PDB file of N, CA and C in Angstrom:
ATOM      1  N   MET A   1      28.463  25.045 -45.184  1.00  0.00           N
ATOM      2  CA  MET A   1      28.593  26.899 -44.532  1.00  0.00           C
ATOM      3  C   MET A   1      28.137  28.242 -45.002  1.00  0.00           C
ATOM      4  N   GLN A   2      28.307  28.483 -43.404  1.00  0.00           N
ATOM      5  CA  GLN A   2      27.734  29.976 -43.501  1.00  0.00           C
ATOM      6  C   GLN A   2      28.861  30.247 -42.911  1.00  0.00           C
ATOM      7  N   ARG A   3      28.919  31.910 -43.303  1.00  0.00           N
ATOM      8  CA  ARG A   3      29.837  32.857 -42.585  1.00  0.00           C
ATOM      9  C   ARG A   3      29.286  33.643 -41.845  1.00  0.00           C
ATOM     10  N   ALA A   4      29.716  34.379 -40.914  1.00  0.00           N
ATOM     11  CA  ALA A   4      29.027  35.750 -40.281  1.00  0.00           C
ATOM     12  C   ALA A   4      29.522  36.782 -40.375  1.00  0.00           C
ATOM     13  N   ILE A   5      29.177  37.803 -41.161  1.00  0.00           N
ATOM     14  CA  ILE A   5      30.008  39.038 -40.861  1.00  0.00           C
ATOM     15  C   ILE A   5      29.795  40.469 -40.453  1.00  0.00           C
ATOM     16  N   VAL A   6      30.439  41.191 -40.370  1.00  0.00           N
ATOM     17  CA  VAL A   6      30.179  42.598 -39.774  1.00  0.00           C
ATOM     18  C   VAL A   6      29.536  43.614 -41.088  1.00  0.00           C
ATOM     19  N   LEU A   7      28.653  43.685 -41.535  1.00  0.00           N
ATOM     20  CA  LEU A   7      28.158  44.338 -42.003  1.00  0.00           C
ATOM     21  C   LEU A   7      28.060  46.210 -42.109  1.00  0.00           C
ATOM     22  N   ASN A   8      29.261  46.832 -42.920  1.00  0.00           N
ATOM     23  CA  ASN A   8      29.427  48.345 -42.766  1.00  0.00           C
ATOM     24  C   ASN A   8      29.595  48.933 -41.092  1.00  0.00           C
ATOM     25  N   ASN A   9      29.752  48.183 -40.778  1.00  0.00           N
ATOM     26  CA  ASN A   9      30.282  48.386 -39.370  1.00  0.00           C
ATOM     27  C   ASN A   9      29.072  48.371 -38.245  1.00  0.00           C
ATOM     28  N   HIS A  10      27.763  48.311 -38.885  1.00  0.00           N
ATOM     29  CA  HIS A  10      26.349  48.271 -38.154  1.00  0.00           C
ATOM     30  C   HIS A  10      25.471  47.334 -38.443  1.00  0.00           C
ATOM     31  N   THR A  11      25.699  46.101 -38.900  1.00  0.00           N
ATOM     32  CA  THR A  11      24.390  44.807 -39.049  1.00  0.00           C
ATOM     33  C   THR A  11      26.028  43.901 -38.661  1.00  0.00           C
ATOM     34  N   LEU A  12      25.101  42.907 -38.126  1.00  0.00           N
ATOM     35  CA  LEU A  12      25.865  41.720 -37.792  1.00  0.00           C
ATOM     36  C   LEU A  12      24.975  39.974 -38.641  1.00  0.00           C
ATOM     37  N   GLY A  13      25.854  39.515 -39.271  1.00  0.00           N
ATOM     38  CA  GLY A  13      24.777  38.324 -39.976  1.00  0.00           C
ATOM     39  C   GLY A  13      25.278  37.461 -40.512  1.00  0.00           C
ATOM     40  N   VAL A  14      24.437  36.475 -41.195  1.00  0.00           N
ATOM     41  CA  VAL A  14      24.921  35.679 -41.797  1.00  0.00           C
ATOM     42  C   VAL A  14      24.806  35.408 -43.607  1.00  0.00           C
ATOM     43  N   VAL A  15      25.815  35.642 -44.304  1.00  0.00           N
ATOM     44  CA  VAL A  15      26.519  36.093 -45.884  1.00  0.00           C
ATOM     45  C   VAL A  15      24.683  34.094 -46.501  1.00  0.00           C
ATOM     46  N   TYR A  16      25.002  34.916 -48.126  1.00  0.00           N
ATOM     47  CA  TYR A  16      23.956  33.807 -48.378  1.00  0.00           C
ATOM     48  C   TYR A  16      24.483  34.673 -49.892  1.00  0.00           C
ATOM     49  N   PRO A  17      24.858  33.282 -51.028  1.00  0.00           N
ATOM     50  CA  PRO A  17      24.870  34.182 -52.662  1.00  0.00           C
ATOM     51  C   PRO A  17      23.198  34.668 -52.973  1.00  0.00           C
ATOM     52  N   PHE A  18      23.530  35.863 -53.620  1.00  0.00           N
ATOM     53  CA  PHE A  18      21.874  35.899 -54.424  1.00  0.00           C
ATOM     54  C   PHE A  18      22.251  36.661 -55.470  1.00  0.00           C
ATOM     55  N   GLY A  19      22.394  35.852 -56.984  1.00  0.00           N
ATOM     56  CA  GLY A  19      22.697  36.155 -58.217  1.00  0.00           C
ATOM     57  C   GLY A  19      24.102  35.901 -58.630  1.00  0.00           C
ATOM     58  N   ASP A  20      24.732  36.774 -59.436  1.00  0.00           N
ATOM     59  CA  ASP A  20      25.606  36.585 -59.557  1.00  0.00           C
ATOM     60  C   ASP A  20      26.423  37.792 -59.286  1.00  0.00           C
ATOM     61  N   THR A  21      26.080  39.091 -58.935  1.00  0.00           N
ATOM     62  CA  THR A  21      27.207  39.821 -58.242  1.00  0.00           C
ATOM     63  C   THR A  21      26.981  41.141 -56.875  1.00  0.00           C
ATOM     64  N   MET A  22      25.092  40.285 -56.633  1.00  0.00           N
ATOM     65  CA  MET A  22      24.680  40.670 -54.966  1.00  0.00           C
ATOM     66  C   MET A  22      24.369  39.379 -53.919  1.00  0.00           C
ATOM     67  N   LEU A  23      24.993  39.851 -52.872  1.00  0.00           N
ATOM     68  CA  LEU A  23      25.011  38.544 -51.695  1.00  0.00           C
ATOM     69  C   LEU A  23      23.939  39.159 -50.546  1.00  0.00           C
ATOM     70  N   GLN A  24      23.326  38.260 -50.049  1.00  0.00           N
ATOM     71  CA  GLN A  24      22.250  38.676 -49.433  1.00  0.00           C
ATOM     72  C   GLN A  24      22.713  37.792 -47.967  1.00  0.00           C
ATOM     73  N   ILE A  25      22.222  38.691 -46.371  1.00  0.00           N
ATOM     74  CA  ILE A  25      22.911  38.988 -45.325  1.00  0.00           C
ATOM     75  C   ILE A  25      21.620  38.760 -44.639  1.00  0.00           C
ATOM     76  N   GLN A  26      21.500  37.444 -44.083  1.00  0.00           N
ATOM     77  CA  GLN A  26      20.552  37.382 -42.856  1.00  0.00           C
ATOM     78  C   GLN A  26      20.795  38.052 -41.630  1.00  0.00           C
ATOM     79  N   ILE A  27      19.904  39.411 -41.554  1.00  0.00           N
ATOM     80  CA  ILE A  27      20.625  39.742 -40.362  1.00  0.00           C
ATOM     81  C   ILE A  27      20.334  39.020 -38.872  1.00  0.00           C
ATOM     82  N   LEU A  28      21.671  39.137 -37.711  1.00  0.00           N
ATOM     83  CA  LEU A  28      21.245  38.864 -37.022  1.00  0.00           C
ATOM     84  C   LEU A  28      21.104  40.005 -36.030  1.00  0.00           C
ATOM     85  N   HIS A  29      21.226  40.821 -35.884  1.00  0.00           N
ATOM     86  CA  HIS A  29      21.025  41.968 -35.584  1.00  0.00           C
ATOM     87  C   HIS A  29      21.621  43.473 -35.416  1.00  0.00           C
ATOM     88  N   THR A  30      21.432  44.393 -35.551  1.00  0.00           N
ATOM     89  CA  THR A  30      21.161  45.850 -35.917  1.00  0.00           C
ATOM     90  C   THR A  30      21.629  46.537 -35.152  1.00  0.00           C
ATOM     91  N   SER A  31      22.338  47.694 -35.311  1.00  0.00           N
ATOM     92  CA  SER A  31      22.448  48.613 -34.236  1.00  0.00           C
ATOM     93  C   SER A  31      22.542  50.036 -35.235  1.00  0.00           C
ATOM     94  N   VAL A  32      21.448  50.787 -34.378  1.00  0.00           N
ATOM     95  CA  VAL A  32      21.159  52.272 -35.026  1.00  0.00           C
ATOM     96  C   VAL A  32      22.037  53.247 -34.982  1.00  0.00           C
ATOM     97  N   LEU A  33      22.996  52.772 -33.681  1.00  0.00           N
ATOM     98  CA  LEU A  33      23.476  53.575 -32.813  1.00  0.00           C
ATOM     99  C   LEU A  33      24.595  53.613 -33.887  1.00  0.00           C
ATOM    100  N   ARG A  34      25.475  53.103 -34.676  1.00  0.00           N
ATOM    101  CA  ARG A  34      26.363  52.414 -35.177  1.00  0.00           C
ATOM    102  C   ARG A  34      26.320  53.159 -36.657  1.00  0.00           C
ATOM    103  N   GLY A  35      24.409  53.524 -37.147  1.00  0.00           N
ATOM    104  CA  GLY A  35      24.170  53.558 -38.806  1.00  0.00           C
ATOM    105  C   GLY A  35      23.604  52.842 -39.123  1.00  0.00           C
ATOM    106  N   SER A  36      22.674  51.625 -38.557  1.00  0.00           N
ATOM    107  CA  SER A  36      21.993  50.987 -39.308  1.00  0.00           C
ATOM    108  C   SER A  36      20.778  51.473 -39.890  1.00  0.00           C
ATOM    109  N   PRO A  37      20.715  51.635 -41.126  1.00  0.00           N
ATOM    110  CA  PRO A  37      19.085  51.680 -41.056  1.00  0.00           C
ATOM    111  C   PRO A  37      18.018  51.271 -41.105  1.00  0.00           C
ATOM    112  N   ILE A  38      18.346  49.936 -40.981  1.00  0.00           N
ATOM    113  CA  ILE A  38      17.305  49.080 -40.240  1.00  0.00           C
ATOM    114  C   ILE A  38      16.852  49.754 -38.632  1.00  0.00           C
ATOM    115  N   SER A  39      15.296  49.609 -38.872  1.00  0.00           N
ATOM    116  CA  SER A  39      14.950  50.269 -37.844  1.00  0.00           C
ATOM    117  C   SER A  39      15.323  50.005 -36.775  1.00  0.00           C
ATOM    118  N   GLY A  40      15.057  50.166 -35.170  1.00  0.00           N
ATOM    119  CA  GLY A  40      14.847  49.388 -33.887  1.00  0.00           C
ATOM    120  C   GLY A  40      13.960  48.431 -33.865  1.00  0.00           C
ATOM    121  N   ASP A  41      13.084  47.806 -34.498  1.00  0.00           N
ATOM    122  CA  ASP A  41      12.184  47.131 -34.377  1.00  0.00           C
ATOM    123  C   ASP A  41      12.355  45.865 -35.206  1.00  0.00           C
ATOM    124  N   PRO A  42      12.730  45.003 -34.152  1.00  0.00           N
ATOM    125  CA  PRO A  42      12.909  43.578 -33.407  1.00  0.00           C
ATOM    126  C   PRO A  42      12.109  42.910 -34.809  1.00  0.00           C
ATOM    127  N   LEU A  43      11.465  42.858 -35.343  1.00  0.00           N
ATOM    128  CA  LEU A  43      11.090  42.295 -36.744  1.00  0.00           C
ATOM    129  C   LEU A  43      11.517  42.640 -37.704  1.00  0.00           C
ATOM    130  N   ALA A  44      11.731  43.644 -37.701  1.00  0.00           N
ATOM    131  CA  ALA A  44      12.335  44.607 -39.212  1.00  0.00           C
ATOM    132  C   ALA A  44      13.808  44.307 -39.112  1.00  0.00           C
ATOM    133  N   ALA A  45      14.647  43.926 -38.318  1.00  0.00           N
ATOM    134  CA  ALA A  45      15.881  43.704 -37.847  1.00  0.00           C
ATOM    135  C   ALA A  45      16.219  42.247 -37.367  1.00  0.00           C
ATOM    136  N   MET A  46      14.907  41.479 -38.292  1.00  0.00           N
ATOM    137  CA  MET A  46      15.615  39.905 -37.653  1.00  0.00           C
ATOM    138  C   MET A  46      15.132  39.318 -39.689  1.00  0.00           C
ATOM    139  N   GLY A  47      15.002  40.399 -40.855  1.00  0.00           N
ATOM    140  CA  GLY A  47      15.203  39.822 -41.683  1.00  0.00           C
ATOM    141  C   GLY A  47      16.458  39.770 -42.520  1.00  0.00           C
ATOM    142  N   THR A  48      16.079  40.347 -44.044  1.00  0.00           N
ATOM    143  CA  THR A  48      17.456  40.045 -45.071  1.00  0.00           C
ATOM    144  C   THR A  48      17.337  41.512 -45.627  1.00  0.00           C
ATOM    145  N   MET A  49      18.963  41.528 -46.031  1.00  0.00           N
ATOM    146  CA  MET A  49      19.060  42.501 -46.691  1.00  0.00           C
ATOM    147  C   MET A  49      20.438  42.102 -47.744  1.00  0.00           C
ATOM    148  N   MET A  50      19.790  42.645 -48.852  1.00  0.00           N
ATOM    149  CA  MET A  50      20.894  42.779 -50.360  1.00  0.00           C
ATOM    150  C   MET A  50      22.633  43.694 -50.011  1.00  0.00           C
ATOM    151  N   PHE A  51      23.061  43.610 -50.914  1.00  0.00           N
ATOM    152  CA  PHE A  51      25.050  44.549 -50.461  1.00  0.00           C
ATOM    153  C   PHE A  51      25.436  43.621 -51.468  1.00  0.00           C
ATOM    154  N   ASN A  52      26.357  44.554 -51.834  1.00  0.00           N
ATOM    155  CA  ASN A  52      27.070  44.640 -52.837  1.00  0.00           C
ATOM    156  C   ASN A  52      28.795  43.826 -52.663  1.00  0.00           C
ATOM    157  N   PRO A  53      29.628  43.067 -52.838  1.00  0.00           N
ATOM    158  CA  PRO A  53      30.450  42.831 -51.835  1.00  0.00           C
ATOM    159  C   PRO A  53      32.119  43.795 -52.588  1.00  0.00           C
ATOM    160  N   GLU A  54      31.079  44.422 -53.715  1.00  0.00           N
ATOM    161  CA  GLU A  54      32.618  45.578 -54.148  1.00  0.00           C
ATOM    162  C   GLU A  54      32.221  47.110 -53.883  1.00  0.00           C
ATOM    163  N   THR A  55      30.961  47.228 -53.709  1.00  0.00           N
ATOM    164  CA  THR A  55      30.927  48.853 -52.922  1.00  0.00           C
ATOM    165  C   THR A  55      30.371  48.791 -50.914  1.00  0.00           C
ATOM    166  N   ASP A  56      29.842  47.476 -50.512  1.00  0.00           N
ATOM    167  CA  ASP A  56      29.859  47.988 -49.302  1.00  0.00           C
ATOM    168  C   ASP A  56      31.002  47.300 -48.703  1.00  0.00           C
ATOM    169  N   THR A  57      31.014  47.783 -47.068  1.00  0.00           N
ATOM    170  CA  THR A  57      32.277  47.162 -46.672  1.00  0.00           C
ATOM    171  C   THR A  57      31.876  46.711 -45.501  1.00  0.00           C
ATOM    172  N   PHE A  58      32.958  45.133 -45.559  1.00  0.00           N
ATOM    173  CA  PHE A  58      32.965  43.950 -44.569  1.00  0.00           C
ATOM    174  C   PHE A  58      33.767  43.816 -43.719  1.00  0.00           C
ATOM    175  N   ARG A  59      33.515  42.466 -42.795  1.00  0.00           N
ATOM    176  CA  ARG A  59      34.812  42.096 -42.696  1.00  0.00           C
ATOM    177  C   ARG A  59      34.087  40.968 -42.181  1.00  0.00           C
ATOM    178  N   GLU A  60      34.930  39.588 -41.630  1.00  0.00           N
ATOM    179  CA  GLU A  60      34.323  38.781 -41.227  1.00  0.00           C
ATOM    180  C   GLU A  60      34.209  38.668 -39.271  1.00  0.00           C
ATOM    181  N   ALA A  61      33.016  38.154 -38.974  1.00  0.00           N
ATOM    182  CA  ALA A  61      32.832  38.515 -37.649  1.00  0.00           C
ATOM    183  C   ALA A  61      33.183  37.675 -36.471  1.00  0.00           C
ATOM    184  N   THR A  62      33.452  38.498 -34.796  1.00  0.00           N
ATOM    185  CA  THR A  62      34.327  37.525 -34.404  1.00  0.00           C
ATOM    186  C   THR A  62      33.742  36.671 -33.089  1.00  0.00           C
ATOM    187  N   GLU A  63      34.270  36.818 -32.281  1.00  0.00           N
ATOM    188  CA  GLU A  63      33.765  36.116 -30.876  1.00  0.00           C
ATOM    189  C   GLU A  63      32.999  37.851 -30.429  1.00  0.00           C
ATOM    190  N   GLN A  64      33.919  38.505 -30.151  1.00  0.00           N
ATOM    191  CA  GLN A  64      33.634  39.728 -29.591  1.00  0.00           C
ATOM    192  C   GLN A  64      32.526  40.515 -30.285  1.00  0.00           C
ATOM    193  N   ASP A  65      32.471  40.186 -31.454  1.00  0.00           N
ATOM    194  CA  ASP A  65      30.641  41.109 -32.447  1.00  0.00           C
ATOM    195  C   ASP A  65      29.875  40.266 -32.016  1.00  0.00           C
ATOM    196  N   PHE A  66      29.808  39.315 -31.606  1.00  0.00           N
ATOM    197  CA  PHE A  66      28.692  38.640 -31.120  1.00  0.00           C
ATOM    198  C   PHE A  66      28.470  39.177 -29.367  1.00  0.00           C
ATOM    199  N   ASN A  67      29.435  38.871 -28.773  1.00  0.00           N
ATOM    200  CA  ASN A  67      28.897  39.811 -27.833  1.00  0.00           C
ATOM    201  C   ASN A  67      28.967  41.076 -27.758  1.00  0.00           C
ATOM    202  N   ASP A  68      29.704  42.207 -28.441  1.00  0.00           N
ATOM    203  CA  ASP A  68      29.147  43.766 -28.707  1.00  0.00           C
ATOM    204  C   ASP A  68      27.748  43.560 -28.811  1.00  0.00           C
ATOM    205  N   PHE A  69      26.965  42.578 -29.837  1.00  0.00           N
ATOM    206  CA  PHE A  69      25.641  42.525 -30.700  1.00  0.00           C
ATOM    207  C   PHE A  69      24.515  42.064 -29.956  1.00  0.00           C
ATOM    208  N   ARG A  70      24.999  41.554 -28.956  1.00  0.00           N
ATOM    209  CA  ARG A  70      24.027  40.365 -28.368  1.00  0.00           C
ATOM    210  C   ARG A  70      24.231  39.127 -28.540  1.00  0.00           C
ATOM    211  N   VAL A  71      24.508  38.675 -28.867  1.00  0.00           N
ATOM    212  CA  VAL A  71      23.522  37.514 -29.815  1.00  0.00           C
ATOM    213  C   VAL A  71      24.611  36.281 -30.080  1.00  0.00           C
ATOM    214  N   VAL A  72      24.080  35.283 -29.984  1.00  0.00           N
ATOM    215  CA  VAL A  72      24.551  33.987 -29.166  1.00  0.00           C
ATOM    216  C   VAL A  72      25.343  33.564 -30.393  1.00  0.00           C
ATOM    217  N   SER A  73      26.718  32.727 -30.624  1.00  0.00           N
ATOM    218  CA  SER A  73      27.511  32.480 -32.057  1.00  0.00           C
ATOM    219  C   SER A  73      26.950  31.177 -31.927  1.00  0.00           C
ATOM    220  N   ASN A  74      27.270  30.997 -33.478  1.00  0.00           N
ATOM    221  CA  ASN A  74      27.311  29.421 -33.718  1.00  0.00           C
ATOM    222  C   ASN A  74      28.487  29.066 -34.446  1.00  0.00           C
ATOM    223  N   PRO A  75      29.781  27.790 -33.863  1.00  0.00           N
ATOM    224  CA  PRO A  75      30.879  27.696 -34.407  1.00  0.00           C
ATOM    225  C   PRO A  75      30.768  27.663 -35.637  1.00  0.00           C
ATOM    226  N   ASP A  76      29.737  27.300 -36.485  1.00  0.00           N
ATOM    227  CA  ASP A  76      29.835  26.978 -37.888  1.00  0.00           C
ATOM    228  C   ASP A  76      30.051  28.612 -38.629  1.00  0.00           C
ATOM    229  N   TYR A  77      29.979  29.305 -37.865  1.00  0.00           N
ATOM    230  CA  TYR A  77      30.125  30.704 -38.494  1.00  0.00           C
ATOM    231  C   TYR A  77      31.312  31.152 -38.541  1.00  0.00           C
ATOM    232  N   PHE A  78      32.004  30.393 -37.655  1.00  0.00           N
ATOM    233  CA  PHE A  78      33.771  30.890 -37.871  1.00  0.00           C
ATOM    234  C   PHE A  78      34.320  30.225 -38.790  1.00  0.00           C
ATOM    235  N   ALA A  79      33.563  29.093 -39.581  1.00  0.00           N
ATOM    236  CA  ALA A  79      34.321  28.009 -40.197  1.00  0.00           C
ATOM    237  C   ALA A  79      34.787  28.410 -41.582  1.00  0.00           C
ATOM    238  N   GLU A  80      35.684  27.928 -42.428  1.00  0.00           N
ATOM    239  CA  GLU A  80      35.603  28.352 -43.252  1.00  0.00           C
ATOM    240  C   GLU A  80      34.996  29.023 -44.284  1.00  0.00           C
ATOM    241  N   PHE A  81      34.734  29.635 -45.541  1.00  0.00           N
ATOM    242  CA  PHE A  81      33.959  30.252 -45.716  1.00  0.00           C
ATOM    243  C   PHE A  81      34.346  29.398 -47.574  1.00  0.00           C
ATOM    244  N   VAL A  82      33.022  29.148 -48.206  1.00  0.00           N
ATOM    245  CA  VAL A  82      33.207  28.475 -49.682  1.00  0.00           C
ATOM    246  C   VAL A  82      32.667  29.487 -50.947  1.00  0.00           C
ATOM    247  N   ASP A  83      32.188  30.493 -49.910  1.00  0.00           N
ATOM    248  CA  ASP A  83      31.673  30.863 -51.253  1.00  0.00           C
ATOM    249  C   ASP A  83      33.059  32.151 -51.843  1.00  0.00           C
ATOM    250  N   THR A  84      33.427  32.123 -52.940  1.00  0.00           N
ATOM    251  CA  THR A  84      34.630  32.421 -53.281  1.00  0.00           C
ATOM    252  C   THR A  84      34.158  34.312 -53.929  1.00  0.00           C
ATOM    253  N   ARG A  85      33.020  34.673 -53.933  1.00  0.00           N
ATOM    254  CA  ARG A  85      33.470  36.117 -54.455  1.00  0.00           C
ATOM    255  C   ARG A  85      33.597  37.177 -53.532  1.00  0.00           C
ATOM    256  N   LEU A  86      33.777  36.348 -52.284  1.00  0.00           N
ATOM    257  CA  LEU A  86      34.013  37.538 -51.035  1.00  0.00           C
ATOM    258  C   LEU A  86      35.865  37.640 -50.218  1.00  0.00           C
ATOM    259  N   GLU A  87      36.498  36.603 -51.769  1.00  0.00           N
ATOM    260  CA  GLU A  87      38.053  35.952 -51.170  1.00  0.00           C
ATOM    261  C   GLU A  87      38.450  37.210 -51.492  1.00  0.00           C
ATOM    262  N   ASN A  88      38.292  37.977 -52.596  1.00  0.00           N
ATOM    263  CA  ASN A  88      39.276  39.005 -52.640  1.00  0.00           C
ATOM    264  C   ASN A  88      38.690  40.526 -52.491  1.00  0.00           C
ATOM    265  N   VAL A  89      38.048  40.267 -51.892  1.00  0.00           N
ATOM    266  CA  VAL A  89      36.905  41.671 -51.653  1.00  0.00           C
ATOM    267  C   VAL A  89      37.466  42.221 -50.208  1.00  0.00           C
ATOM    268  N   THR A  90      38.196  43.466 -50.034  1.00  0.00           N
ATOM    269  CA  THR A  90      38.841  43.555 -48.797  1.00  0.00           C
ATOM    270  C   THR A  90      38.396  45.027 -48.569  1.00  0.00           C
TER     271      THR A  90
END
């Protein structure tokens, strides 16, 4: 299962583990208007980026986030997340 998150309030994506402390987000959509460092180039915005759950801010994505970012959601993105590295991070 993957979990969809909103990273730093400007990037919607799906989380994947990467190493012991970092996580990788598969970018579904970004918003330069909200401060994304990823350009508006659709090819650049459909890649991946690393983030540290201890220093970056994120929250679980909602259906409204998918509407706001204009991305079609998948019900699996809202299922319980199995990676415990995010459980204690706010």
